[in-house]
Amino acid sequence: MNQVKDPKTMVTPFAFSIAPSVLYTPLASPTKRGLAMLVDALLIAVLAEQAGGLFILLVGLTLLIERKSHQIGRVLKWFLYFSMLIMTIYVTSDNIIDYNRSASLDNETSSSVKKGEDTSEVLAMLPSILAISFCEEFSCKEQKLMVLVDKLNLASISMAEKREILTGVVTDLSLTADERLRLMAIVDEALGPVAVTPVNEPSVDATQDINDDNAIVDTADKLTSAAAQSTESDIGVKAIAEEERLDNSAPKYSLLEWAKGILNDLGLGFGWAAFYFTVFTAWFDGQTLGKKLLNIRVIQLDASTISLWDAFGRYGGYGAGFATGLLGFIQIYWDANRQAIQDKISATVVIDLSKPKQSPDDISTNVQVGES
């Protein structure tokens, strides 16, 4: 039986029209790409917190000098990579030391760890929430909401946070008033009704200050009148309270705002991450700091130079990866050319510079050896 070499170990012409010079170039493994992204994420966090405009100044100065002297510019690029690495290691280790120190002094560290765990649990609910928003029929939304409720019941977050998430999801949906009430009934059934705080409850001191019969009569009349008004408007008050509860919780857990918050927490807002991934992919030979350390590189399938606009489009693919519930990233495990969604968008691949390039003759030889 003929043994065919795994096409996911090198660039092959399965998805695009590929330049001959790019064919059979070794591809970067998912492990290397993941480690490179981890390094880049740490660096972006450091830049956002520490660097300021100095980093942009160094990048601009390096590119300006390289245009006049490629050799000097190459040295400056290495210096810039080295500086970023040292800064990332220093700031990260300093934060770890401070983190451990604060853990020994108070209990805030444990709450921070719990918050991080809660965030990861909430992030895992994103595909289920998106599934609800994609439903067109009310019965589908109702069914998907029940699935989300079951998942939230298994999460370790507080009951109040569970209610806020579910309330925000229901609020974002396009529903009639009756449909909204039916979905909220599912939430109340799963989490219990909202606790009602007594209003205008008379204090003990006020009761003790009543020293004569006239004051007692006046107080009784006031309480009777308030009770009557409360009974008459009970349904209206509950309806208004429910509307206010929905309106107040909606901005915090709006799907759009939540997605933006996740991207910003990960450094994927239009700020440092956009500048970093765009500039280094386009003008630093397709290598961010993480890719430089792992000796991998982003290249165009047609072997052309990556433009600034192409690099920015590739960066935008990260947002698409999160919008697909991370499937856009995970697909590098089964895609023929190990292309994540950002690679598909920009027609790029990530190659491994530490491995020698192969040729069709080498592949034929490997196949014959395998057959023998």
Protein backbone atom coordinates (compact mmCIF):
# COMPACT_ATOMS: atom_id res chain seq x y z
CA MET A 1 0.00 0.00 0.00
CA ASN A 2 1.40 3.44 -0.94
CA GLN A 3 2.23 5.67 2.01
CA VAL A 4 1.50 9.36 1.40
CA LYS A 5 3.38 11.95 3.41
CA ASP A 6 1.19 14.00 5.72
CA PRO A 7 0.38 17.22 3.78
CA LYS A 8 0.18 19.18 7.04
CA THR A 9 3.95 19.07 7.52
CA MET A 10 4.85 21.31 4.57
CA VAL A 11 3.32 23.89 2.23
CA THR A 12 1.26 22.18 -0.49
CA PRO A 13 -0.97 23.58 -3.28
CA PHE A 14 -4.26 22.47 -1.75
CA ALA A 15 -5.92 25.78 -0.91
CA PHE A 16 -4.45 28.56 -3.04
CA SER A 17 -2.34 29.21 -6.10
CA ILE A 18 1.08 29.05 -4.52
CA ALA A 19 4.38 30.38 -5.85
CA PRO A 20 6.83 27.59 -6.76
CA SER A 21 9.42 29.04 -4.41
CA VAL A 22 7.03 28.58 -1.49
CA LEU A 23 6.09 24.97 -2.20
CA TYR A 24 7.39 22.28 0.17
CA THR A 25 8.60 24.82 2.72
CA PRO A 26 8.29 23.30 6.24
CA LEU A 27 5.34 24.64 8.23
CA ALA A 28 5.47 25.79 11.82
CA SER A 29 3.86 23.37 14.24
CA PRO A 30 0.82 24.39 16.32
CA THR A 31 2.97 24.17 19.46
CA LYS A 32 5.48 26.69 18.14
CA ARG A 33 2.74 29.01 16.96
CA GLY A 34 1.00 28.81 20.34
CA LEU A 35 4.21 29.56 22.26
CA ALA A 36 4.97 32.48 19.94
CA MET A 37 1.50 33.91 20.53
CA LEU A 38 1.96 33.55 24.29
CA VAL A 39 5.22 35.54 24.14
CA ASP A 40 3.54 38.19 21.99
CA ALA A 41 0.59 38.45 24.39
CA LEU A 42 2.96 39.03 27.32
CA LEU A 43 4.84 41.67 25.36
CA ILE A 44 1.64 43.50 24.42
CA ALA A 45 0.57 43.58 28.06
CA VAL A 46 3.97 45.03 28.99
CA LEU A 47 3.81 47.63 26.21
CA ALA A 48 0.35 48.75 27.22
CA GLU A 49 1.44 49.13 30.83
CA GLN A 50 5.03 50.35 30.65
CA ALA A 51 6.43 51.38 27.29
CA GLY A 52 4.37 54.36 26.14
CA GLY A 53 5.58 56.23 23.10
CA LEU A 54 9.19 55.13 23.51
CA PHE A 55 8.51 51.81 21.79
CA ILE A 56 6.91 53.49 18.77
CA LEU A 57 9.86 55.87 18.58
CA LEU A 58 12.37 52.98 18.57
CA VAL A 59 10.43 51.10 15.89
CA GLY A 60 10.19 54.19 13.69
CA LEU A 61 13.87 54.99 14.16
CA THR A 62 14.87 51.41 13.28
CA LEU A 63 12.82 51.42 10.08
CA LEU A 64 14.12 54.85 9.07
CA ILE A 65 17.75 53.82 9.52
CA GLU A 66 17.19 50.52 7.70
CA ARG A 67 16.03 52.36 4.59
CA LYS A 68 19.33 54.23 4.50
CA SER A 69 21.55 51.36 5.58
CA HIS A 70 20.21 47.83 5.48
CA GLN A 71 23.17 46.46 7.44
CA ILE A 72 22.83 48.95 10.30
CA GLY A 73 19.07 48.51 10.25
CA ARG A 74 19.48 44.76 10.62
CA VAL A 75 21.63 45.28 13.72
CA LEU A 76 19.06 47.68 15.15
CA LYS A 77 16.31 45.15 14.53
CA TRP A 78 18.19 42.57 16.56
CA PHE A 79 18.73 45.16 19.28
CA LEU A 80 15.00 45.98 19.29
CA TYR A 81 14.06 42.29 19.57
CA PHE A 82 16.55 41.87 22.41
CA SER A 83 15.23 44.95 24.22
CA MET A 84 11.63 43.71 23.94
CA LEU A 85 12.63 40.31 25.31
CA ILE A 86 14.48 41.77 28.27
CA MET A 87 11.64 44.18 29.03
CA THR A 88 9.06 41.38 28.86
CA ILE A 89 11.07 39.08 31.14
CA TYR A 90 11.79 41.87 33.63
CA VAL A 91 8.25 43.20 33.91
CA THR A 92 6.67 39.74 33.96
CA SER A 93 9.01 38.44 36.66
CA ASP A 94 8.52 41.64 38.67
CA ASN A 95 4.75 41.23 38.49
CA ILE A 96 5.03 37.59 39.57
CA ILE A 97 7.16 38.59 42.59
CA ASP A 98 4.69 41.31 43.57
CA TYR A 99 1.83 38.87 43.07
CA ASN A 100 3.36 36.28 45.41
CA ARG A 101 4.23 38.97 47.95
CA SER A 102 0.69 40.27 48.07
CA ALA A 103 -0.61 36.71 48.41
CA SER A 104 1.30 36.28 51.65
CA LEU A 105 0.06 39.58 53.10
CA ASP A 106 -3.69 39.51 52.39
CA ASN A 107 -6.49 37.55 50.77
CA GLU A 108 -6.87 39.73 47.69
CA THR A 109 -4.75 37.36 45.66
CA SER A 110 -7.17 34.50 46.17
CA SER A 111 -10.02 36.69 44.99
CA SER A 112 -7.98 37.68 41.94
CA VAL A 113 -7.31 34.03 41.12
CA LYS A 114 -10.99 33.26 41.52
CA LYS A 115 -11.82 36.17 39.25
CA GLY A 116 -9.46 34.77 36.62
CA GLU A 117 -11.08 31.35 36.91
CA ASP A 118 -14.52 32.93 36.70
CA THR A 119 -13.48 34.84 33.57
CA SER A 120 -12.33 31.63 31.89
CA GLU A 121 -15.60 29.94 32.80
CA VAL A 122 -17.63 32.83 31.42
CA LEU A 123 -15.50 32.81 28.26
CA ALA A 124 -16.34 29.13 27.80
CA MET A 125 -20.03 30.11 27.68
CA LEU A 126 -19.52 32.36 24.64
CA PRO A 127 -20.34 29.68 21.99
CA SER A 128 -23.61 28.86 23.80
CA ILE A 129 -24.55 32.55 23.99
CA LEU A 130 -23.78 33.07 20.32
CA ALA A 131 -25.88 30.00 19.48
CA ILE A 132 -28.90 31.67 21.13
CA SER A 133 -28.42 34.85 19.11
CA PHE A 134 -28.27 32.84 15.87
CA CYS A 135 -31.67 31.22 16.49
CA GLU A 136 -34.51 32.55 14.38
CA GLU A 137 -37.39 30.64 15.98
CA PHE A 138 -38.44 31.35 19.55
CA SER A 139 -38.51 27.64 20.38
CA CYS A 140 -34.84 27.43 19.36
CA LYS A 141 -33.95 30.39 21.59
CA GLU A 142 -35.87 28.82 24.44
CA GLN A 143 -34.07 25.51 24.05
CA LYS A 144 -30.61 27.10 23.74
CA LEU A 145 -31.29 29.26 26.81
CA MET A 146 -32.05 26.13 28.84
CA VAL A 147 -28.73 24.64 27.68
CA LEU A 148 -26.92 27.82 28.78
CA VAL A 149 -28.70 27.71 32.15
CA ASP A 150 -27.53 24.14 32.70
CA LYS A 151 -23.93 25.12 31.89
CA LEU A 152 -24.04 28.15 34.19
CA ASN A 153 -25.37 26.00 37.03
CA LEU A 154 -22.15 23.97 36.80
CA ALA A 155 -19.96 27.09 36.88
CA SER A 156 -18.43 28.35 40.12
CA ILE A 157 -19.45 31.98 39.61
CA SER A 158 -21.90 33.62 42.00
CA MET A 159 -25.67 33.44 41.59
CA ALA A 160 -25.81 37.17 40.96
CA GLU A 161 -23.30 36.90 38.12
CA LYS A 162 -25.24 34.01 36.60
CA ARG A 163 -28.42 36.07 36.68
CA GLU A 164 -26.68 39.10 35.15
CA ILE A 165 -25.33 36.99 32.26
CA LEU A 166 -28.70 35.40 31.53
CA THR A 167 -30.52 38.71 31.87
CA GLY A 168 -28.08 40.35 29.47
CA VAL A 169 -28.54 37.55 26.92
CA VAL A 170 -32.34 37.83 27.07
CA THR A 171 -32.19 41.62 26.79
CA ASP A 172 -30.03 41.50 23.65
CA LEU A 173 -32.45 39.22 21.81
CA SER A 174 -35.10 40.59 19.48
CA LEU A 175 -38.26 39.46 21.26
CA THR A 176 -41.82 40.49 21.97
CA ALA A 177 -42.77 41.43 25.52
CA ASP A 178 -44.50 38.07 26.03
CA GLU A 179 -41.52 36.11 24.71
CA ARG A 180 -39.15 38.08 26.93
CA LEU A 181 -41.26 37.31 29.99
CA ARG A 182 -41.32 33.61 29.08
CA LEU A 183 -37.52 33.52 28.85
CA MET A 184 -37.15 35.43 32.11
CA ALA A 185 -39.49 32.89 33.70
CA ILE A 186 -36.98 30.19 32.72
CA VAL A 187 -34.22 32.23 34.37
CA ASP A 188 -36.28 32.75 37.55
CA GLU A 189 -37.19 29.07 37.67
CA ALA A 190 -33.55 28.05 37.44
CA LEU A 191 -32.03 30.69 39.74
CA GLY A 192 -34.99 31.61 41.91
CA PRO A 193 -36.97 34.88 41.92
CA VAL A 194 -35.30 38.19 42.61
CA ALA A 195 -35.31 39.06 46.29
CA VAL A 196 -37.63 41.98 47.11
CA THR A 197 -36.35 44.48 49.67
CA PRO A 198 -39.06 45.80 52.04
CA VAL A 199 -39.79 49.49 51.52
CA ASN A 200 -40.71 52.09 54.18
CA GLU A 201 -40.33 49.62 57.05
CA PRO A 202 -40.81 51.52 60.32
CA SER A 203 -37.77 51.61 62.61
CA VAL A 204 -37.73 50.57 66.27
CA ASP A 205 -36.67 54.05 67.39
CA ALA A 206 -39.58 55.64 65.57
CA THR A 207 -42.00 53.24 67.25
CA GLN A 208 -40.58 53.97 70.66
CA ASP A 209 -40.98 57.73 70.11
CA ILE A 210 -44.77 57.38 69.83
CA ASN A 211 -45.87 58.53 73.29
CA ASP A 212 -49.48 59.52 72.91
CA ASP A 213 -52.66 58.21 71.41
CA ASN A 214 -52.84 60.84 68.66
CA ALA A 215 -49.37 59.94 67.36
CA ILE A 216 -50.32 56.26 67.34
CA VAL A 217 -53.48 57.01 65.39
CA ASP A 218 -51.61 59.17 62.88
CA THR A 219 -48.95 56.50 62.35
CA ALA A 220 -51.60 53.81 61.87
CA ASP A 221 -53.38 55.96 59.31
CA LYS A 222 -50.15 56.53 57.38
CA LEU A 223 -49.29 52.84 57.36
CA THR A 224 -52.81 51.93 56.26
CA SER A 225 -52.66 54.47 53.43
CA ALA A 226 -49.24 53.29 52.29
CA ALA A 227 -50.38 49.66 52.35
CA ALA A 228 -53.42 50.51 50.27
CA GLN A 229 -51.33 52.39 47.71
CA SER A 230 -48.82 49.55 47.59
CA THR A 231 -51.61 47.01 46.99
CA GLU A 232 -53.16 49.07 44.19
CA SER A 233 -49.87 49.60 42.34
CA ASP A 234 -48.19 46.28 43.17
CA ILE A 235 -48.28 44.97 39.59
CA GLY A 236 -47.08 48.28 38.16
CA VAL A 237 -44.21 48.54 40.62
CA LYS A 238 -43.04 45.00 39.86
CA ALA A 239 -43.20 45.66 36.13
CA ILE A 240 -41.18 48.88 36.46
CA ALA A 241 -38.63 47.17 38.72
CA GLU A 242 -38.24 44.34 36.22
CA GLU A 243 -37.73 46.81 33.34
CA GLU A 244 -35.14 48.77 35.35
CA ARG A 245 -33.34 45.55 36.26
CA LEU A 246 -33.16 44.53 32.60
CA ASP A 247 -32.05 47.97 31.44
CA ASN A 248 -29.37 48.33 34.11
CA SER A 249 -27.88 44.91 33.48
CA ALA A 250 -27.99 45.05 29.68
CA PRO A 251 -24.95 47.30 29.06
CA LYS A 252 -22.71 45.20 31.24
CA TYR A 253 -23.51 41.90 29.55
CA SER A 254 -24.46 43.06 26.09
CA LEU A 255 -23.05 40.52 23.63
CA LEU A 256 -21.32 43.25 21.65
CA GLU A 257 -19.84 44.94 24.71
CA TRP A 258 -18.87 41.58 26.19
CA ALA A 259 -17.04 40.57 23.02
CA LYS A 260 -15.27 43.95 22.98
CA GLY A 261 -14.30 43.49 26.61
CA ILE A 262 -12.82 40.06 25.94
CA LEU A 263 -10.81 41.37 22.99
CA ASN A 264 -9.55 44.32 25.03
CA ASP A 265 -8.60 42.06 27.96
CA LEU A 266 -6.56 39.97 25.54
CA GLY A 267 -4.90 43.03 24.04
CA LEU A 268 -6.84 42.71 20.78
CA GLY A 269 -8.35 46.18 20.75
CA PHE A 270 -7.31 48.72 18.11
CA GLY A 271 -4.29 49.83 20.11
CA TRP A 272 -0.98 48.22 20.98
CA ALA A 273 -1.90 44.83 19.54
CA ALA A 274 -2.97 46.32 16.20
CA PHE A 275 0.23 48.35 15.94
CA TYR A 276 2.45 45.48 17.06
CA PHE A 277 1.08 42.69 14.86
CA THR A 278 0.65 44.95 11.81
CA VAL A 279 4.06 46.65 11.85
CA PHE A 280 6.15 43.63 12.79
CA THR A 281 4.42 41.34 10.31
CA ALA A 282 4.81 43.83 7.45
CA TRP A 283 8.15 45.55 8.14
CA PHE A 284 10.08 43.09 10.32
CA ASP A 285 10.18 40.16 7.90
CA GLY A 286 6.96 38.60 9.19
CA GLN A 287 8.39 38.02 12.65
CA THR A 288 7.04 39.30 15.93
CA LEU A 289 9.15 38.74 19.04
CA GLY A 290 7.47 35.39 19.69
CA LYS A 291 8.02 34.22 16.11
CA LYS A 292 11.62 35.43 16.20
CA LEU A 293 12.33 33.39 19.34
CA LEU A 294 10.67 30.27 17.89
CA ASN A 295 12.38 30.82 14.50
CA ILE A 296 9.14 30.88 12.52
CA ARG A 297 7.85 33.46 10.03
CA VAL A 298 4.70 34.63 8.26
CA ILE A 299 4.98 34.63 4.46
CA GLN A 300 2.60 35.27 1.56
CA LEU A 301 1.60 32.26 -0.52
CA ASP A 302 2.50 34.11 -3.71
CA ALA A 303 5.98 34.86 -2.28
CA SER A 304 5.33 38.62 -2.42
CA THR A 305 6.24 41.06 0.36
CA ILE A 306 3.54 41.46 2.98
CA SER A 307 2.13 44.99 2.77
CA LEU A 308 1.02 47.03 5.75
CA TRP A 309 -2.61 46.64 4.68
CA ASP A 310 -2.26 42.87 4.28
CA ALA A 311 -0.69 42.65 7.74
CA PHE A 312 -3.53 44.68 9.23
CA GLY A 313 -6.06 42.40 7.52
CA ARG A 314 -4.30 39.39 9.00
CA TYR A 315 -4.50 40.99 12.43
CA GLY A 316 -8.23 41.48 11.92
CA GLY A 317 -8.47 37.73 11.45
CA TYR A 318 -7.77 37.28 15.17
CA GLY A 319 -11.13 38.89 15.90
CA ALA A 320 -12.75 36.50 13.42
CA GLY A 321 -11.09 33.62 15.25
CA PHE A 322 -12.78 34.60 18.50
CA ALA A 323 -16.08 35.19 16.71
CA THR A 324 -16.03 31.56 15.54
CA GLY A 325 -15.66 30.29 19.09
CA LEU A 326 -11.89 29.73 18.65
CA LEU A 327 -12.52 27.24 15.83
CA GLY A 328 -10.78 29.64 13.46
CA PHE A 329 -7.57 29.09 15.44
CA ILE A 330 -7.99 25.39 16.16
CA GLN A 331 -8.36 24.55 12.47
CA ILE A 332 -4.56 24.61 12.08
CA TYR A 333 -4.66 21.04 13.45
CA TRP A 334 -6.55 19.70 10.42
CA ASP A 335 -6.03 22.26 7.65
CA ALA A 336 -3.80 20.99 4.82
CA ASN A 337 -1.44 23.96 5.06
CA ARG A 338 -1.97 24.63 8.78
CA GLN A 339 -3.76 27.88 8.05
CA ALA A 340 -5.70 29.52 10.84
CA ILE A 341 -8.54 31.87 9.93
CA GLN A 342 -6.20 34.88 9.87
CA ASP A 343 -4.01 33.01 7.36
CA LYS A 344 -7.01 32.22 5.17
CA ILE A 345 -8.05 35.87 5.18
CA SER A 346 -4.61 37.17 4.23
CA ALA A 347 -3.42 34.21 2.07
CA THR A 348 -0.42 33.55 4.32
CA VAL A 349 1.24 30.59 6.01
CA VAL A 350 3.60 30.36 8.97
CA ILE A 351 6.80 28.50 8.08
CA ASP A 352 9.49 26.92 10.25
CA LEU A 353 12.92 28.37 9.47
CA SER A 354 14.74 25.76 11.55
CA LYS A 355 13.86 22.94 9.14
CA PRO A 356 15.40 22.51 5.68
CA LYS A 357 13.24 23.01 2.63
CA GLN A 358 12.27 19.80 0.83
CA SER A 359 11.81 19.07 -2.85
CA PRO A 360 9.52 16.72 -4.79
CA ASP A 361 12.50 14.37 -5.27
CA ASP A 362 13.00 14.17 -1.49
CA ILE A 363 9.34 13.35 -1.01
CA SER A 364 9.45 10.65 -3.70
CA THR A 365 12.49 9.12 -2.01
CA ASN A 366 10.73 9.11 1.37
CA VAL A 367 7.68 7.43 -0.13
CA GLN A 368 9.79 4.73 -1.82
CA VAL A 369 11.65 4.04 1.41
CA GLY A 370 8.36 3.72 3.21
CA GLU A 371 7.03 1.30 0.61
CA SER A 372 10.12 -0.90 0.81
